[in-house]
Amino acid sequence: MNWHKELANALNLNAVIQLLNDYIAVLPVGREIPPAYKPLVVRRAEDVHRWHRLLTAGLAATDSPSTAFHDLCVVFMRASARLYELAPDSRPANGGGDDAAGSNQAPCAP
């Protein structure tokens, strides 16, 4: 499945969340993604944005991230961006919440 294309074509919040949960279900198990950075389930838009920030920070702090970890970060980045496209008025005033200090330096750009 082309996750990026599916996210770009998602028509609403529920479609984005379902795609992310499907993606999470097929993530590799093991050392490829540090356990602290493997989401278990996404339920709300806030979860998507929070995981995007956490993954971005985690990727930046990792010396040699795996391709799977990088891909996970990119998928959440695109999902977060898609949610903002679907509901532009939902963007937080500070651009990403209280813990978004480094979110403008997204190392997980595609």
PDB file of N, CA and C in Angstrom:
ATOM      1  N   MET A   1       0.842  -1.180   0.000  1.00  0.00           N
ATOM      2  CA  MET A   1       0.000   0.000   0.000  1.00  0.00           C
ATOM      3  C   MET A   1       0.886   1.242   0.000  1.00  0.00           C
ATOM      4  N   ASN A   2       0.473   2.243  -0.746  1.00  0.00           N
ATOM      5  CA  ASN A   2       1.187   3.514  -0.753  1.00  0.00           C
ATOM      6  C   ASN A   2       0.548   4.413   0.313  1.00  0.00           C
ATOM      7  N   TRP A   3       1.131   4.388   1.498  1.00  0.00           N
ATOM      8  CA  TRP A   3       0.559   5.104   2.645  1.00  0.00           C
ATOM      9  C   TRP A   3       0.472   6.601   2.383  1.00  0.00           C
ATOM     10  N   HIS A   4       1.462   7.163   1.731  1.00  0.00           N
ATOM     11  CA  HIS A   4       1.475   8.607   1.472  1.00  0.00           C
ATOM     12  C   HIS A   4       0.321   8.998   0.541  1.00  0.00           C
ATOM     13  N   LYS A   5       0.111   8.216  -0.480  1.00  0.00           N
ATOM     14  CA  LYS A   5      -0.980   8.492  -1.409  1.00  0.00           C
ATOM     15  C   LYS A   5      -2.338   8.328  -0.720  1.00  0.00           C
ATOM     16  N   GLU A   6      -2.459   7.288   0.079  1.00  0.00           N
ATOM     17  CA  GLU A   6      -3.715   7.053   0.801  1.00  0.00           C
ATOM     18  C   GLU A   6      -4.013   8.214   1.760  1.00  0.00           C
ATOM     19  N   LEU A   7      -2.985   8.696   2.456  1.00  0.00           N
ATOM     20  CA  LEU A   7      -3.189   9.827   3.369  1.00  0.00           C
ATOM     21  C   LEU A   7      -3.580  11.088   2.604  1.00  0.00           C
ATOM     22  N   ALA A   8      -2.939  11.320   1.478  1.00  0.00           N
ATOM     23  CA  ALA A   8      -3.251  12.502   0.669  1.00  0.00           C
ATOM     24  C   ALA A   8      -4.694  12.460   0.169  1.00  0.00           C
ATOM     25  N   ASN A   9      -5.226  11.264  -0.022  1.00  0.00           N
ATOM     26  CA  ASN A   9      -6.593  11.115  -0.527  1.00  0.00           C
ATOM     27  C   ASN A   9      -7.638  10.932   0.572  1.00  0.00           C
ATOM     28  N   ALA A  10      -7.199  10.878   1.834  1.00  0.00           N
ATOM     29  CA  ALA A  10      -8.144  10.709   2.940  1.00  0.00           C
ATOM     30  C   ALA A  10      -9.097  11.905   2.980  1.00  0.00           C
ATOM     31  N   LEU A  11     -10.376  11.604   3.126  1.00  0.00           N
ATOM     32  CA  LEU A  11     -11.393  12.656   3.049  1.00  0.00           C
ATOM     33  C   LEU A  11     -11.796  13.257   4.385  1.00  0.00           C
ATOM     34  N   ASN A  12     -11.408  12.595   5.486  1.00  0.00           N
ATOM     35  CA  ASN A  12     -11.813  13.118   6.791  1.00  0.00           C
ATOM     36  C   ASN A  12     -10.908  12.570   7.892  1.00  0.00           C
ATOM     37  N   LEU A  13     -11.121  13.060   9.097  1.00  0.00           N
ATOM     38  CA  LEU A  13     -10.330  12.668  10.259  1.00  0.00           C
ATOM     39  C   LEU A  13     -10.368  11.162  10.469  1.00  0.00           C
ATOM     40  N   ASN A  14     -11.550  10.563  10.386  1.00  0.00           N
ATOM     41  CA  ASN A  14     -11.666   9.129  10.627  1.00  0.00           C
ATOM     42  C   ASN A  14     -10.860   8.315   9.623  1.00  0.00           C
ATOM     43  N   ALA A  15     -10.817   8.748   8.386  1.00  0.00           N
ATOM     44  CA  ALA A  15     -10.041   8.041   7.367  1.00  0.00           C
ATOM     45  C   ALA A  15      -8.547   8.126   7.674  1.00  0.00           C
ATOM     46  N   VAL A  16      -8.073   9.289   8.099  1.00  0.00           N
ATOM     47  CA  VAL A  16      -6.660   9.454   8.456  1.00  0.00           C
ATOM     48  C   VAL A  16      -6.319   8.559   9.638  1.00  0.00           C
ATOM     49  N   ILE A  17      -7.156   8.562  10.660  1.00  0.00           N
ATOM     50  CA  ILE A  17      -6.897   7.750  11.853  1.00  0.00           C
ATOM     51  C   ILE A  17      -6.914   6.268  11.513  1.00  0.00           C
ATOM     52  N   GLN A  18      -7.855   5.837  10.693  1.00  0.00           N
ATOM     53  CA  GLN A  18      -7.913   4.426  10.306  1.00  0.00           C
ATOM     54  C   GLN A  18      -6.648   4.018   9.543  1.00  0.00           C
ATOM     55  N   LEU A  19      -6.208   4.869   8.625  1.00  0.00           N
ATOM     56  CA  LEU A  19      -4.975   4.586   7.878  1.00  0.00           C
ATOM     57  C   LEU A  19      -3.770   4.477   8.810  1.00  0.00           C
ATOM     58  N   LEU A  20      -3.677   5.389   9.772  1.00  0.00           N
ATOM     59  CA  LEU A  20      -2.550   5.343  10.706  1.00  0.00           C
ATOM     60  C   LEU A  20      -2.585   4.074  11.544  1.00  0.00           C
ATOM     61  N   ASN A  21      -3.750   3.688  12.014  1.00  0.00           N
ATOM     62  CA  ASN A  21      -3.847   2.470  12.812  1.00  0.00           C
ATOM     63  C   ASN A  21      -3.535   1.231  11.979  1.00  0.00           C
ATOM     64  N   ASP A  22      -3.923   1.233  10.712  1.00  0.00           N
ATOM     65  CA  ASP A  22      -3.553   0.135   9.813  1.00  0.00           C
ATOM     66  C   ASP A  22      -2.037   0.097   9.624  1.00  0.00           C
ATOM     67  N   TYR A  23      -1.426   1.268   9.467  1.00  0.00           N
ATOM     68  CA  TYR A  23       0.029   1.367   9.302  1.00  0.00           C
ATOM     69  C   TYR A  23       0.741   0.868  10.556  1.00  0.00           C
ATOM     70  N   ILE A  24       0.279   1.306  11.719  1.00  0.00           N
ATOM     71  CA  ILE A  24       0.882   0.890  12.988  1.00  0.00           C
ATOM     72  C   ILE A  24       0.823  -0.631  13.127  1.00  0.00           C
ATOM     73  N   ALA A  25      -0.254  -1.241  12.676  1.00  0.00           N
ATOM     74  CA  ALA A  25      -0.437  -2.684  12.806  1.00  0.00           C
ATOM     75  C   ALA A  25       0.599  -3.488  12.020  1.00  0.00           C
ATOM     76  N   VAL A  26       1.170  -2.905  10.975  1.00  0.00           N
ATOM     77  CA  VAL A  26       2.146  -3.634  10.161  1.00  0.00           C
ATOM     78  C   VAL A  26       3.583  -3.157  10.372  1.00  0.00           C
ATOM     79  N   LEU A  27       3.801  -2.324  11.382  1.00  0.00           N
ATOM     80  CA  LEU A  27       5.162  -1.850  11.664  1.00  0.00           C
ATOM     81  C   LEU A  27       6.051  -3.020  12.062  1.00  0.00           C
ATOM     82  N   PRO A  28       7.315  -2.979  11.670  1.00  0.00           N
ATOM     83  CA  PRO A  28       8.221  -4.059  12.067  1.00  0.00           C
ATOM     84  C   PRO A  28       8.447  -4.056  13.579  1.00  0.00           C
ATOM     85  N   VAL A  29       8.600  -5.230  14.123  1.00  0.00           N
ATOM     86  CA  VAL A  29       8.865  -5.383  15.546  1.00  0.00           C
ATOM     87  C   VAL A  29      10.361  -5.594  15.723  1.00  0.00           C
ATOM     88  N   GLY A  30      10.914  -5.012  16.761  1.00  0.00           N
ATOM     89  CA  GLY A  30      12.335  -5.219  17.028  1.00  0.00           C
ATOM     90  C   GLY A  30      13.093  -3.913  17.124  1.00  0.00           C
ATOM     91  N   ARG A  31      14.354  -3.974  16.734  1.00  0.00           N
ATOM     92  CA  ARG A  31      15.251  -2.835  16.919  1.00  0.00           C
ATOM     93  C   ARG A  31      15.047  -1.728  15.905  1.00  0.00           C
ATOM     94  N   GLU A  32      14.299  -1.966  14.851  1.00  0.00           N
ATOM     95  CA  GLU A  32      14.162  -0.955  13.800  1.00  0.00           C
ATOM     96  C   GLU A  32      13.495   0.324  14.297  1.00  0.00           C
ATOM     97  N   ILE A  33      12.565   0.179  15.208  1.00  0.00           N
ATOM     98  CA  ILE A  33      11.886   1.340  15.791  1.00  0.00           C
ATOM     99  C   ILE A  33      12.009   1.224  17.310  1.00  0.00           C
ATOM    100  N   PRO A  34      12.640   2.213  17.945  1.00  0.00           N
ATOM    101  CA  PRO A  34      12.763   2.159  19.404  1.00  0.00           C
ATOM    102  C   PRO A  34      11.381   2.020  20.047  1.00  0.00           C
ATOM    103  N   PRO A  35      11.241   1.140  21.042  1.00  0.00           N
ATOM    104  CA  PRO A  35       9.932   0.890  21.660  1.00  0.00           C
ATOM    105  C   PRO A  35       9.219   2.158  22.136  1.00  0.00           C
ATOM    106  N   ALA A  36       9.958   3.134  22.624  1.00  0.00           N
ATOM    107  CA  ALA A  36       9.338   4.373  23.109  1.00  0.00           C
ATOM    108  C   ALA A  36       8.705   5.170  21.972  1.00  0.00           C
ATOM    109  N   TYR A  37       9.062   4.858  20.733  1.00  0.00           N
ATOM    110  CA  TYR A  37       8.566   5.613  19.586  1.00  0.00           C
ATOM    111  C   TYR A  37       7.646   4.794  18.691  1.00  0.00           C
ATOM    112  N   LYS A  38       7.105   3.718  19.217  1.00  0.00           N
ATOM    113  CA  LYS A  38       6.164   2.934  18.428  1.00  0.00           C
ATOM    114  C   LYS A  38       4.756   3.165  18.977  1.00  0.00           C
ATOM    115  N   PRO A  39       3.951   3.941  18.252  1.00  0.00           N
ATOM    116  CA  PRO A  39       2.577   4.182  18.712  1.00  0.00           C
ATOM    117  C   PRO A  39       1.804   2.869  18.765  1.00  0.00           C
ATOM    118  N   LEU A  40       0.905   2.760  19.715  1.00  0.00           N
ATOM    119  CA  LEU A  40       0.084   1.558  19.816  1.00  0.00           C
ATOM    120  C   LEU A  40      -1.254   1.737  19.115  1.00  0.00           C
ATOM    121  N   VAL A  41      -1.851   2.894  19.300  1.00  0.00           N
ATOM    122  CA  VAL A  41      -3.132   3.192  18.662  1.00  0.00           C
ATOM    123  C   VAL A  41      -3.303   4.705  18.610  1.00  0.00           C
ATOM    124  N   VAL A  42      -4.003   5.176  17.583  1.00  0.00           N
ATOM    125  CA  VAL A  42      -4.313   6.597  17.432  1.00  0.00           C
ATOM    126  C   VAL A  42      -5.821   6.722  17.486  1.00  0.00           C
ATOM    127  N   ARG A  43      -6.304   7.624  18.340  1.00  0.00           N
ATOM    128  CA  ARG A  43      -7.748   7.774  18.495  1.00  0.00           C
ATOM    129  C   ARG A  43      -8.280   9.138  18.074  1.00  0.00           C
ATOM    130  N   ARG A  44      -7.432  10.173  18.201  1.00  0.00           N
ATOM    131  CA  ARG A  44      -7.899  11.544  17.949  1.00  0.00           C
ATOM    132  C   ARG A  44      -6.852  12.304  17.146  1.00  0.00           C
ATOM    133  N   ALA A  45      -7.263  13.430  16.598  1.00  0.00           N
ATOM    134  CA  ALA A  45      -6.333  14.286  15.856  1.00  0.00           C
ATOM    135  C   ALA A  45      -5.163  14.704  16.749  1.00  0.00           C
ATOM    136  N   GLU A  46      -5.440  14.984  18.020  1.00  0.00           N
ATOM    137  CA  GLU A  46      -4.383  15.393  18.942  1.00  0.00           C
ATOM    138  C   GLU A  46      -3.316  14.310  19.071  1.00  0.00           C
ATOM    139  N   ASP A  47      -3.722  13.033  19.009  1.00  0.00           N
ATOM    140  CA  ASP A  47      -2.752  11.932  19.059  1.00  0.00           C
ATOM    141  C   ASP A  47      -1.818  11.998  17.853  1.00  0.00           C
ATOM    142  N   VAL A  48      -2.381  12.268  16.694  1.00  0.00           N
ATOM    143  CA  VAL A  48      -1.591  12.340  15.460  1.00  0.00           C
ATOM    144  C   VAL A  48      -0.545  13.440  15.577  1.00  0.00           C
ATOM    145  N   HIS A  49      -0.966  14.623  15.990  1.00  0.00           N
ATOM    146  CA  HIS A  49      -0.040  15.760  16.095  1.00  0.00           C
ATOM    147  C   HIS A  49       1.005  15.519  17.192  1.00  0.00           C
ATOM    148  N   ARG A  50       0.589  14.941  18.312  1.00  0.00           N
ATOM    149  CA  ARG A  50       1.526  14.665  19.403  1.00  0.00           C
ATOM    150  C   ARG A  50       2.570  13.642  18.962  1.00  0.00           C
ATOM    151  N   TRP A  51       2.139  12.570  18.316  1.00  0.00           N
ATOM    152  CA  TRP A  51       3.084  11.564  17.832  1.00  0.00           C
ATOM    153  C   TRP A  51       4.014  12.145  16.769  1.00  0.00           C
ATOM    154  N   HIS A  52       3.497  13.012  15.929  1.00  0.00           N
ATOM    155  CA  HIS A  52       4.368  13.646  14.928  1.00  0.00           C
ATOM    156  C   HIS A  52       5.503  14.396  15.629  1.00  0.00           C
ATOM    157  N   ARG A  53       5.160  15.184  16.651  1.00  0.00           N
ATOM    158  CA  ARG A  53       6.185  15.936  17.384  1.00  0.00           C
ATOM    159  C   ARG A  53       7.166  15.004  18.093  1.00  0.00           C
ATOM    160  N   LEU A  54       6.645  13.970  18.761  1.00  0.00           N
ATOM    161  CA  LEU A  54       7.513  13.040  19.491  1.00  0.00           C
ATOM    162  C   LEU A  54       8.442  12.277  18.545  1.00  0.00           C
ATOM    163  N   LEU A  55       7.906  11.831  17.429  1.00  0.00           N
ATOM    164  CA  LEU A  55       8.719  11.089  16.469  1.00  0.00           C
ATOM    165  C   LEU A  55       9.797  11.977  15.846  1.00  0.00           C
ATOM    166  N   THR A  56       9.440  13.203  15.549  1.00  0.00           N
ATOM    167  CA  THR A  56      10.413  14.142  14.988  1.00  0.00           C
ATOM    168  C   THR A  56      11.556  14.365  15.967  1.00  0.00           C
ATOM    169  N   ALA A  57      11.219  14.580  17.225  1.00  0.00           N
ATOM    170  CA  ALA A  57      12.249  14.779  18.252  1.00  0.00           C
ATOM    171  C   ALA A  57      13.086  13.515  18.426  1.00  0.00           C
ATOM    172  N   GLY A  58      12.435  12.365  18.435  1.00  0.00           N
ATOM    173  CA  GLY A  58      13.157  11.105  18.596  1.00  0.00           C
ATOM    174  C   GLY A  58      14.086  10.812  17.443  1.00  0.00           C
ATOM    175  N   LEU A  59      13.621  11.079  16.251  1.00  0.00           N
ATOM    176  CA  LEU A  59      14.452  10.858  15.069  1.00  0.00           C
ATOM    177  C   LEU A  59      15.674  11.773  15.098  1.00  0.00           C
ATOM    178  N   ALA A  60      15.463  13.025  15.487  1.00  0.00           N
ATOM    179  CA  ALA A  60      16.570  13.985  15.557  1.00  0.00           C
ATOM    180  C   ALA A  60      17.596  13.572  16.604  1.00  0.00           C
ATOM    181  N   ALA A  61      17.156  12.890  17.660  1.00  0.00           N
ATOM    182  CA  ALA A  61      18.054  12.498  18.745  1.00  0.00           C
ATOM    183  C   ALA A  61      18.735  11.152  18.492  1.00  0.00           C
ATOM    184  N   THR A  62      18.371  10.492  17.420  1.00  0.00           N
ATOM    185  CA  THR A  62      18.926   9.170  17.114  1.00  0.00           C
ATOM    186  C   THR A  62      20.108   9.318  16.154  1.00  0.00           C
ATOM    187  N   ASP A  63      21.234   8.732  16.531  1.00  0.00           N
ATOM    188  CA  ASP A  63      22.448   8.853  15.713  1.00  0.00           C
ATOM    189  C   ASP A  63      22.291   8.234  14.331  1.00  0.00           C
ATOM    190  N   SER A  64      21.726   7.055  14.271  1.00  0.00           N
ATOM    191  CA  SER A  64      21.632   6.355  13.000  1.00  0.00           C
ATOM    192  C   SER A  64      20.261   5.668  12.901  1.00  0.00           C
ATOM    193  N   PRO A  65      19.203   6.460  12.628  1.00  0.00           N
ATOM    194  CA  PRO A  65      17.859   5.870  12.617  1.00  0.00           C
ATOM    195  C   PRO A  65      17.675   4.898  11.452  1.00  0.00           C
ATOM    196  N   SER A  66      16.866   3.894  11.704  1.00  0.00           N
ATOM    197  CA  SER A  66      16.561   2.918  10.660  1.00  0.00           C
ATOM    198  C   SER A  66      15.625   3.540   9.630  1.00  0.00           C
ATOM    199  N   THR A  67      15.553   2.903   8.501  1.00  0.00           N
ATOM    200  CA  THR A  67      14.622   3.345   7.464  1.00  0.00           C
ATOM    201  C   THR A  67      13.190   3.258   7.976  1.00  0.00           C
ATOM    202  N   ALA A  68      12.875   2.220   8.739  1.00  0.00           N
ATOM    203  CA  ALA A  68      11.519   2.060   9.278  1.00  0.00           C
ATOM    204  C   ALA A  68      11.166   3.209  10.219  1.00  0.00           C
ATOM    205  N   PHE A  69      12.119   3.640  11.051  1.00  0.00           N
ATOM    206  CA  PHE A  69      11.875   4.752  11.972  1.00  0.00           C
ATOM    207  C   PHE A  69      11.672   6.044  11.181  1.00  0.00           C
ATOM    208  N   HIS A  70      12.486   6.254  10.187  1.00  0.00           N
ATOM    209  CA  HIS A  70      12.343   7.431   9.331  1.00  0.00           C
ATOM    210  C   HIS A  70      10.985   7.416   8.633  1.00  0.00           C
ATOM    211  N   ASP A  71      10.612   6.283   8.079  1.00  0.00           N
ATOM    212  CA  ASP A  71       9.318   6.164   7.389  1.00  0.00           C
ATOM    213  C   ASP A  71       8.155   6.432   8.330  1.00  0.00           C
ATOM    214  N   LEU A  72       8.248   5.924   9.555  1.00  0.00           N
ATOM    215  CA  LEU A  72       7.196   6.171  10.545  1.00  0.00           C
ATOM    216  C   LEU A  72       7.030   7.665  10.793  1.00  0.00           C
ATOM    217  N   CYS A  73       8.143   8.366  10.930  1.00  0.00           N
ATOM    218  CA  CYS A  73       8.111   9.810  11.146  1.00  0.00           C
ATOM    219  C   CYS A  73       7.467  10.521   9.954  1.00  0.00           C
ATOM    220  N   VAL A  74       7.826  10.112   8.760  1.00  0.00           N
ATOM    221  CA  VAL A  74       7.272  10.748   7.561  1.00  0.00           C
ATOM    222  C   VAL A  74       5.771  10.502   7.461  1.00  0.00           C
ATOM    223  N   VAL A  75       5.331   9.294   7.748  1.00  0.00           N
ATOM    224  CA  VAL A  75       3.894   8.988   7.683  1.00  0.00           C
ATOM    225  C   VAL A  75       3.134   9.869   8.675  1.00  0.00           C
ATOM    226  N   PHE A  76       3.634  10.020   9.892  1.00  0.00           N
ATOM    227  CA  PHE A  76       2.940  10.869  10.868  1.00  0.00           C
ATOM    228  C   PHE A  76       3.022  12.345  10.488  1.00  0.00           C
ATOM    229  N   MET A  77       4.128  12.750   9.885  1.00  0.00           N
ATOM    230  CA  MET A  77       4.227  14.136   9.410  1.00  0.00           C
ATOM    231  C   MET A  77       3.146  14.400   8.357  1.00  0.00           C
ATOM    232  N   ARG A  78       3.012  13.480   7.410  1.00  0.00           N
ATOM    233  CA  ARG A  78       2.020  13.660   6.346  1.00  0.00           C
ATOM    234  C   ARG A  78       0.594  13.568   6.886  1.00  0.00           C
ATOM    235  N   ALA A  79       0.374  12.697   7.851  1.00  0.00           N
ATOM    236  CA  ALA A  79      -0.955  12.589   8.452  1.00  0.00           C
ATOM    237  C   ALA A  79      -1.310  13.877   9.191  1.00  0.00           C
ATOM    238  N   SER A  80      -0.362  14.410   9.935  1.00  0.00           N
ATOM    239  CA  SER A  80      -0.594  15.658  10.652  1.00  0.00           C
ATOM    240  C   SER A  80      -0.897  16.787   9.667  1.00  0.00           C
ATOM    241  N   ALA A  81      -0.104  16.866   8.616  1.00  0.00           N
ATOM    242  CA  ALA A  81      -0.339  17.898   7.600  1.00  0.00           C
ATOM    243  C   ALA A  81      -1.702  17.725   6.944  1.00  0.00           C
ATOM    244  N   ARG A  82      -2.090  16.481   6.672  1.00  0.00           N
ATOM    245  CA  ARG A  82      -3.393  16.229   6.042  1.00  0.00           C
ATOM    246  C   ARG A  82      -4.529  16.668   6.962  1.00  0.00           C
ATOM    247  N   LEU A  83      -4.389  16.422   8.242  1.00  0.00           N
ATOM    248  CA  LEU A  83      -5.434  16.860   9.180  1.00  0.00           C
ATOM    249  C   LEU A  83      -5.557  18.373   9.187  1.00  0.00           C
ATOM    250  N   TYR A  84      -4.441  19.076   9.084  1.00  0.00           N
ATOM    251  CA  TYR A  84      -4.498  20.533   9.009  1.00  0.00           C
ATOM    252  C   TYR A  84      -5.140  20.992   7.710  1.00  0.00           C
ATOM    253  N   GLU A  85      -4.918  20.257   6.632  1.00  0.00           N
ATOM    254  CA  GLU A  85      -5.587  20.589   5.363  1.00  0.00           C
ATOM    255  C   GLU A  85      -7.094  20.397   5.470  1.00  0.00           C
ATOM    256  N   LEU A  86      -7.488  19.337   6.160  1.00  0.00           N
ATOM    257  CA  LEU A  86      -8.920  19.038   6.295  1.00  0.00           C
ATOM    258  C   LEU A  86      -9.621  19.998   7.254  1.00  0.00           C
ATOM    259  N   ALA A  87      -8.888  20.487   8.247  1.00  0.00           N
ATOM    260  CA  ALA A  87      -9.473  21.396   9.241  1.00  0.00           C
ATOM    261  C   ALA A  87      -8.452  22.476   9.584  1.00  0.00           C
ATOM    262  N   PRO A  88      -8.231  23.429   8.674  1.00  0.00           N
ATOM    263  CA  PRO A  88      -7.175  24.426   8.891  1.00  0.00           C
ATOM    264  C   PRO A  88      -7.356  25.260  10.148  1.00  0.00           C
ATOM    265  N   ASP A  89      -8.574  25.397  10.630  1.00  0.00           N
ATOM    266  CA  ASP A  89      -8.791  26.195  11.843  1.00  0.00           C
ATOM    267  C   ASP A  89      -8.367  25.464  13.106  1.00  0.00           C
ATOM    268  N   SER A  90      -7.970  24.211  12.990  1.00  0.00           N
ATOM    269  CA  SER A  90      -7.584  23.438  14.168  1.00  0.00           C
ATOM    270  C   SER A  90      -6.115  23.597  14.529  1.00  0.00           C
ATOM    271  N   ARG A  91      -5.346  24.316  13.718  1.00  0.00           N
ATOM    272  CA  ARG A  91      -3.915  24.475  13.985  1.00  0.00           C
ATOM    273  C   ARG A  91      -3.709  25.248  15.287  1.00  0.00           C
ATOM    274  N   PRO A  92      -2.885  24.689  16.211  1.00  0.00           N
ATOM    275  CA  PRO A  92      -2.605  25.408  17.457  1.00  0.00           C
ATOM    276  C   PRO A  92      -1.913  26.739  17.180  1.00  0.00           C
ATOM    277  N   ALA A  93      -2.154  27.702  18.035  1.00  0.00           N
ATOM    278  CA  ALA A  93      -1.609  29.044  17.857  1.00  0.00           C
ATOM    279  C   ALA A  93      -0.086  29.050  17.832  1.00  0.00           C
ATOM    280  N   ASN A  94       0.557  28.159  18.604  1.00  0.00           N
ATOM    281  CA  ASN A  94       2.022  28.130  18.641  1.00  0.00           C
ATOM    282  C   ASN A  94       2.600  27.184  17.601  1.00  0.00           C
ATOM    283  N   GLY A  95       1.771  26.643  16.724  1.00  0.00           N
ATOM    284  CA  GLY A  95       2.258  25.804  15.640  1.00  0.00           C
ATOM    285  C   GLY A  95       2.397  24.341  15.979  1.00  0.00           C
ATOM    286  N   GLY A  96       2.119  23.942  17.220  1.00  0.00           N
ATOM    287  CA  GLY A  96       2.255  22.522  17.480  1.00  0.00           C
ATOM    288  C   GLY A  96       2.107  22.101  18.922  1.00  0.00           C
ATOM    289  N   GLY A  97       1.692  22.952  19.798  1.00  0.00           N
ATOM    290  CA  GLY A  97       1.491  22.528  21.176  1.00  0.00           C
ATOM    291  C   GLY A  97       2.660  22.899  22.053  1.00  0.00           C
ATOM    292  N   ASP A  98       2.536  22.581  23.322  1.00  0.00           N
ATOM    293  CA  ASP A  98       3.525  22.978  24.305  1.00  0.00           C
ATOM    294  C   ASP A  98       4.890  22.339  24.103  1.00  0.00           C
ATOM    295  N   ASP A  99       4.922  21.117  23.553  1.00  0.00           N
ATOM    296  CA  ASP A  99       6.206  20.441  23.423  1.00  0.00           C
ATOM    297  C   ASP A  99       6.733  20.485  21.998  1.00  0.00           C
ATOM    298  N   ALA A 100       6.382  21.489  21.255  1.00  0.00           N
ATOM    299  CA  ALA A 100       6.767  21.551  19.841  1.00  0.00           C
ATOM    300  C   ALA A 100       8.008  22.407  19.592  1.00  0.00           C
ATOM    301  N   ALA A 101       8.848  22.534  20.599  1.00  0.00           N
ATOM    302  CA  ALA A 101       9.977  23.449  20.477  1.00  0.00           C
ATOM    303  C   ALA A 101      10.809  23.212  19.232  1.00  0.00           C
ATOM    304  N   GLY A 102      11.042  21.990  18.869  1.00  0.00           N
ATOM    305  CA  GLY A 102      11.890  21.733  17.710  1.00  0.00           C
ATOM    306  C   GLY A 102      11.126  21.305  16.478  1.00  0.00           C
ATOM    307  N   SER A 103       9.817  21.451  16.474  1.00  0.00           N
ATOM    308  CA  SER A 103       9.036  20.870  15.386  1.00  0.00           C
ATOM    309  C   SER A 103       9.233  21.582  14.058  1.00  0.00           C
ATOM    310  N   ASN A 104       9.782  22.798  14.057  1.00  0.00           N
ATOM    311  CA  ASN A 104      10.038  23.470  12.794  1.00  0.00           C
ATOM    312  C   ASN A 104      11.286  22.925  12.104  1.00  0.00           C
ATOM    313  N   GLN A 105      12.048  22.107  12.806  1.00  0.00           N
ATOM    314  CA  GLN A 105      13.265  21.530  12.266  1.00  0.00           C
ATOM    315  C   GLN A 105      13.020  20.058  11.978  1.00  0.00           C
ATOM    316  N   ALA A 106      12.000  19.775  11.207  1.00  0.00           N
ATOM    317  CA  ALA A 106      11.576  18.397  10.969  1.00  0.00           C
ATOM    318  C   ALA A 106      12.609  17.602  10.183  1.00  0.00           C
ATOM    319  N   PRO A 107      13.349  16.705  10.866  1.00  0.00           N
ATOM    320  CA  PRO A 107      14.337  15.897  10.170  1.00  0.00           C
ATOM    321  C   PRO A 107      13.694  14.770   9.379  1.00  0.00           C
ATOM    322  N   CYS A 108      12.391  14.618   9.489  1.00  0.00           N
ATOM    323  CA  CYS A 108      11.730  13.501   8.812  1.00  0.00           C
ATOM    324  C   CYS A 108      11.078  13.936   7.518  1.00  0.00           C
ATOM    325  N   ALA A 109      11.546  15.014   6.940  1.00  0.00           N
ATOM    326  CA  ALA A 109      10.985  15.450   5.672  1.00  0.00           C
ATOM    327  C   ALA A 109      11.216  14.378   4.617  1.00  0.00           C
ATOM    328  N   PRO A 110      10.245  14.193   3.728  1.00  0.00           N
ATOM    329  CA  PRO A 110      10.356  13.130   2.735  1.00  0.00           C
ATOM    330  C   PRO A 110      11.482  13.338   1.747  1.00  0.00           C
TER     331      PRO A 110
END
